[in-house]
Amino acid sequence: GATACTSTTWVSPTVIECVVPAGTGVALDVQLHLISYRRTMAASLSYDGPTITSLDPAFAATGGAASLVLFGSNFGSACAGCAISVHVGASECASVQWTSATKVACLLLPGVGAGLTVMASVDGSSNAAAQSFSYNAPRVTSLTPASVSEHGGPLVTVNGYNFGMAAPPSDELALSFGSGSCTQITWTSDSEVLCRTGTGSGQARPVAATVARSSKGPGQHPVDFSYWPAPVVDATVPTQISPLGGITLTIR
């Protein structure tokens, strides 16, 4: 690259040894200066890419704006001017702060999902962390109403947090109340979604919620949901009345 070896030793007419300085980059040119002669071996040397050994934290809220610290090696020495980027899943961190050859920190963007790959790149050399990162799973704190007929149909307002700062794909958002699931889910905000209830049965049924594979299952929410039996009519007495009305009708 543009950095001179820390020392150079002549070994023979065909061999020169060079102590390579600390650095970063891939496919760097190696230049040999001998008196007035200059020779270049193009794209002949690369430094090892970054190695990520751990993440702190491994989980964060969907709103982002939190610092994700990457620990490892090969982040570069005196690398304040290096081109460093960090991707979490498909999203690039809003900013990256280099601290040392073993530590960098990135500012997370809002997002959703679990088991996301964390990738660091230093001057063109990239590697993924063995450990994955996940945004916090959605948590339901209230349901309005908290019960409907077993035939379903009414719209339930589901409040909580970590539903995402933007509407996720429809196939990545799921809600269920016991054995019953929503026939339609409308994302409103990170703290609210709307559920068109389907058929179901039972009282105090546990709630489960999933956004982009990040989920909290039954029993992990501080609320429950109930289906009340729909009325059943077996008979009416009488079965025939005067057009003038005024007769008491008994429904059984």
Protein backbone atom coordinates (compact mmCIF):
# COMPACT_ATOMS: atom_id res chain seq x y z
CA GLY A 1 0.00 0.00 0.00
CA ALA A 2 1.21 3.48 0.89
CA THR A 3 3.09 2.42 4.06
CA ALA A 4 6.81 1.61 4.12
CA CYS A 5 8.12 -1.52 5.78
CA THR A 6 9.51 -0.95 9.25
CA SER A 7 12.79 -2.57 8.11
CA THR A 8 14.17 -4.18 4.97
CA THR A 9 16.93 -6.80 4.77
CA TRP A 10 18.84 -7.92 1.68
CA VAL A 11 19.20 -11.71 1.73
CA SER A 12 20.38 -12.63 -1.73
CA PRO A 13 20.19 -11.45 -5.34
CA THR A 14 16.73 -13.04 -5.45
CA VAL A 15 15.37 -12.43 -1.94
CA ILE A 16 14.62 -9.32 0.15
CA GLU A 17 12.90 -9.54 3.49
CA CYS A 18 10.57 -6.80 4.73
CA VAL A 19 9.03 -6.42 8.21
CA VAL A 20 5.45 -5.46 7.42
CA PRO A 21 3.95 -2.65 9.52
CA ALA A 22 0.55 -2.86 11.19
CA GLY A 23 -2.22 -2.06 8.77
CA THR A 24 -5.49 -2.93 7.08
CA GLY A 25 -6.73 -3.53 3.58
CA VAL A 26 -7.00 -6.08 0.79
CA ALA A 27 -5.23 -6.52 -2.54
CA LEU A 28 -2.55 -3.95 -1.70
CA ASP A 29 0.26 -3.21 -4.16
CA VAL A 30 3.79 -4.08 -3.05
CA GLN A 31 6.43 -1.71 -4.42
CA LEU A 32 10.18 -2.35 -4.47
CA HIS A 33 12.56 0.64 -4.69
CA LEU A 34 16.14 -0.22 -5.52
CA ILE A 35 18.38 2.78 -6.17
CA SER A 36 16.55 4.44 -9.06
CA TYR A 37 14.56 1.37 -10.02
CA ARG A 38 10.92 0.83 -8.98
CA ARG A 39 8.90 -2.30 -9.45
CA THR A 40 5.26 -2.91 -8.44
CA MET A 41 3.51 -6.19 -7.74
CA ALA A 42 -0.14 -5.26 -8.08
CA ALA A 43 -2.76 -6.52 -5.62
CA SER A 44 -0.34 -8.97 -4.04
CA LEU A 45 -0.83 -8.52 -0.28
CA SER A 46 -3.87 -8.44 2.04
CA TYR A 47 -4.17 -8.02 5.79
CA ASP A 48 -6.40 -10.41 7.72
CA GLY A 49 -9.98 -9.23 8.06
CA PRO A 50 -11.65 -8.35 11.36
CA THR A 51 -12.63 -11.17 13.70
CA ILE A 52 -15.68 -10.64 15.93
CA THR A 53 -15.65 -12.77 19.07
CA SER A 54 -18.55 -11.24 21.02
CA LEU A 55 -21.31 -8.62 20.95
CA ASP A 56 -22.59 -6.40 23.74
CA PRO A 57 -25.55 -6.33 23.98
CA ALA A 58 -26.91 -9.28 22.02
CA PHE A 59 -30.44 -7.81 22.18
CA ALA A 60 -31.85 -4.28 21.83
CA ALA A 61 -35.20 -2.51 21.49
CA THR A 62 -36.68 -2.09 18.02
CA GLY A 63 -36.33 1.69 18.24
CA GLY A 64 -32.58 1.49 17.66
CA ALA A 65 -30.39 4.45 18.74
CA ALA A 66 -28.46 2.06 21.02
CA SER A 67 -24.75 1.29 20.90
CA LEU A 68 -23.71 -2.19 19.81
CA VAL A 69 -20.11 -2.97 20.85
CA LEU A 70 -18.09 -5.49 18.83
CA PHE A 71 -15.13 -7.19 20.52
CA GLY A 72 -12.52 -9.15 18.61
CA SER A 73 -9.32 -8.49 16.69
CA ASN A 74 -7.95 -7.02 13.47
CA PHE A 75 -10.02 -3.84 13.60
CA GLY A 76 -6.83 -1.98 12.71
CA SER A 77 -4.10 -0.14 14.61
CA ALA A 78 -4.39 3.64 14.83
CA CYS A 79 -7.37 3.23 12.56
CA ALA A 80 -9.20 6.51 13.10
CA GLY A 81 -9.05 7.12 9.36
CA CYS A 82 -9.94 3.61 8.22
CA ALA A 83 -13.10 2.84 6.27
CA ILE A 84 -15.07 0.83 8.84
CA SER A 85 -18.67 -0.29 8.51
CA VAL A 86 -20.92 -2.64 10.46
CA HIS A 87 -24.07 -4.29 9.13
CA VAL A 88 -26.74 -5.87 11.32
CA GLY A 89 -28.82 -8.05 9.06
CA ALA A 90 -29.44 -6.00 5.93
CA SER A 91 -29.08 -2.63 7.70
CA GLU A 92 -25.86 -0.67 8.05
CA CYS A 93 -25.24 1.00 11.41
CA ALA A 94 -25.85 4.74 11.46
CA SER A 95 -22.27 5.35 12.59
CA VAL A 96 -19.20 3.39 13.74
CA GLN A 97 -16.69 4.45 16.38
CA TRP A 98 -13.25 2.82 16.31
CA THR A 99 -11.72 2.39 19.78
CA SER A 100 -8.86 -0.05 19.30
CA ALA A 101 -7.70 -3.02 17.29
CA THR A 102 -9.98 -5.15 19.46
CA LYS A 103 -13.09 -2.99 19.85
CA VAL A 104 -15.49 -0.94 17.74
CA ALA A 105 -18.98 0.35 18.49
CA CYS A 106 -21.85 1.02 16.12
CA LEU A 107 -25.08 3.00 16.50
CA LEU A 108 -28.03 0.73 15.73
CA LEU A 109 -30.82 1.74 13.40
CA PRO A 110 -34.44 0.86 14.20
CA GLY A 111 -35.26 -2.70 13.17
CA VAL A 112 -36.90 -6.04 13.90
CA GLY A 113 -35.83 -9.64 13.71
CA ALA A 114 -33.99 -12.41 15.48
CA GLY A 115 -30.77 -14.24 14.71
CA LEU A 116 -29.43 -11.42 12.54
CA THR A 117 -25.90 -11.70 11.16
CA VAL A 118 -23.44 -9.00 12.26
CA MET A 119 -20.80 -8.19 9.64
CA ALA A 120 -17.81 -5.86 10.11
CA SER A 121 -15.69 -4.46 7.28
CA VAL A 122 -12.33 -2.70 7.68
CA ASP A 123 -10.83 -1.16 4.53
CA GLY A 124 -12.56 -3.68 2.31
CA SER A 125 -11.92 -6.83 4.36
CA SER A 126 -15.07 -8.29 5.94
CA ASN A 127 -16.04 -11.05 8.35
CA ALA A 128 -19.21 -12.10 10.15
CA ALA A 129 -19.57 -12.63 13.89
CA ALA A 130 -20.19 -16.15 15.15
CA GLN A 131 -22.74 -14.66 17.56
CA SER A 132 -25.97 -13.28 16.15
CA PHE A 133 -27.94 -10.20 17.19
CA SER A 134 -31.69 -9.93 17.84
CA TYR A 135 -34.09 -7.07 18.31
CA ASN A 136 -36.33 -7.51 21.34
CA ALA A 137 -39.48 -9.56 20.79
CA PRO A 138 -42.86 -7.82 20.84
CA ARG A 139 -44.61 -7.63 24.20
CA VAL A 140 -48.37 -7.21 24.60
CA THR A 141 -49.51 -5.15 27.60
CA SER A 142 -53.23 -4.59 26.91
CA LEU A 143 -56.10 -5.79 24.70
CA THR A 144 -59.24 -3.78 23.89
CA PRO A 145 -61.64 -5.52 24.06
CA ALA A 146 -60.20 -8.45 25.98
CA SER A 147 -62.99 -10.85 24.99
CA VAL A 148 -65.17 -11.57 21.96
CA SER A 149 -67.67 -14.17 20.76
CA GLU A 150 -66.23 -17.54 19.84
CA HIS A 151 -67.28 -16.75 16.26
CA GLY A 152 -64.70 -13.93 16.17
CA GLY A 153 -64.98 -10.95 13.86
CA PRO A 154 -64.52 -7.87 16.09
CA LEU A 155 -61.39 -5.75 15.85
CA VAL A 156 -59.07 -5.91 18.88
CA THR A 157 -56.59 -3.11 19.61
CA VAL A 158 -53.34 -4.67 20.80
CA ASN A 159 -51.04 -2.33 22.73
CA GLY A 160 -47.48 -2.99 23.87
CA TYR A 161 -44.01 -2.37 22.45
CA ASN A 162 -41.39 -3.71 20.02
CA PHE A 163 -43.81 -4.15 17.11
CA GLY A 164 -41.29 -2.29 14.93
CA MET A 165 -40.76 1.31 13.86
CA ALA A 166 -42.11 0.54 10.37
CA ALA A 167 -44.72 -1.89 9.08
CA PRO A 168 -43.13 -5.34 8.69
CA PRO A 169 -44.13 -7.62 5.79
CA SER A 170 -47.54 -9.13 6.47
CA ASP A 171 -46.09 -12.64 6.66
CA GLU A 172 -43.67 -11.59 9.42
CA LEU A 173 -46.34 -10.35 11.87
CA ALA A 174 -48.45 -12.86 13.81
CA LEU A 175 -50.76 -12.78 16.84
CA SER A 176 -52.74 -15.54 18.49
CA PHE A 177 -55.05 -15.91 21.48
CA GLY A 178 -54.95 -19.49 22.59
CA SER A 179 -56.01 -21.62 19.61
CA GLY A 180 -57.45 -18.61 17.79
CA SER A 181 -55.42 -16.39 15.48
CA CYS A 182 -56.05 -13.05 13.82
CA THR A 183 -57.51 -13.23 10.32
CA GLN A 184 -56.00 -9.81 9.55
CA ILE A 185 -53.33 -7.77 11.35
CA THR A 186 -52.77 -4.08 10.73
CA TRP A 187 -49.56 -2.50 12.02
CA THR A 188 -50.09 1.00 13.43
CA SER A 189 -46.92 1.80 15.37
CA ASP A 190 -44.18 0.29 17.49
CA SER A 191 -46.70 0.23 20.34
CA GLU A 192 -49.95 -0.77 18.60
CA VAL A 193 -51.37 -3.26 16.11
CA LEU A 194 -54.97 -4.09 15.20
CA CYS A 195 -56.21 -7.68 15.09
CA ARG A 196 -59.33 -8.90 13.29
CA THR A 197 -60.25 -11.86 15.45
CA GLY A 198 -60.94 -15.30 14.07
CA THR A 199 -62.85 -18.12 15.66
CA GLY A 200 -61.66 -19.44 19.00
CA SER A 201 -62.74 -20.88 22.31
CA GLY A 202 -61.91 -20.83 26.00
CA GLN A 203 -61.40 -18.39 28.81
CA ALA A 204 -58.17 -16.61 29.80
CA ARG A 205 -56.35 -17.84 26.73
CA PRO A 206 -52.60 -17.00 26.55
CA VAL A 207 -51.35 -14.46 24.02
CA ALA A 208 -48.48 -15.06 21.58
CA ALA A 209 -46.89 -12.43 19.32
CA THR A 210 -44.22 -12.63 16.62
CA VAL A 211 -42.48 -9.99 14.50
CA ALA A 212 -39.86 -11.12 11.96
CA ARG A 213 -39.07 -14.40 13.79
CA SER A 214 -38.68 -12.56 17.10
CA SER A 215 -41.43 -13.83 19.36
CA LYS A 216 -42.83 -14.12 22.84
CA GLY A 217 -44.93 -17.21 23.26
CA PRO A 218 -47.90 -18.12 25.46
CA GLY A 219 -47.50 -17.13 29.08
CA GLN A 220 -44.87 -14.46 28.35
CA HIS A 221 -47.32 -11.54 28.25
CA PRO A 222 -49.06 -9.96 31.28
CA VAL A 223 -52.53 -10.24 29.62
CA ASP A 224 -54.89 -12.94 28.39
CA PHE A 225 -57.90 -13.15 26.11
CA SER A 226 -61.29 -14.84 26.37
CA TYR A 227 -63.86 -16.17 23.93
CA TRP A 228 -67.42 -16.29 25.22
CA PRO A 229 -69.84 -18.82 23.80
CA ALA A 230 -72.27 -17.47 21.23
CA PRO A 231 -75.95 -17.75 22.31
CA VAL A 232 -77.81 -20.82 21.05
CA VAL A 233 -81.57 -20.70 20.41
CA ASP A 234 -83.36 -24.07 20.66
CA ALA A 235 -86.98 -22.99 20.65
CA THR A 236 -89.47 -20.13 20.94
CA VAL A 237 -92.86 -20.28 22.69
CA PRO A 238 -95.27 -19.68 21.11
CA THR A 239 -94.23 -20.34 17.55
CA GLN A 240 -97.08 -18.37 15.99
CA ILE A 241 -98.64 -15.09 17.09
CA SER A 242 -101.19 -12.52 15.97
CA PRO A 243 -100.12 -9.80 13.55
CA LEU A 244 -101.15 -7.34 16.26
CA GLY A 245 -98.23 -8.43 18.44
CA GLY A 246 -98.27 -7.69 22.16
CA ILE A 247 -97.61 -11.34 23.03
CA THR A 248 -94.73 -12.36 25.29
CA LEU A 249 -92.28 -14.55 23.41
CA THR A 250 -90.21 -17.00 25.41
CA ILE A 251 -86.85 -17.89 23.88
CA ARG A 252 -85.14 -21.07 25.04
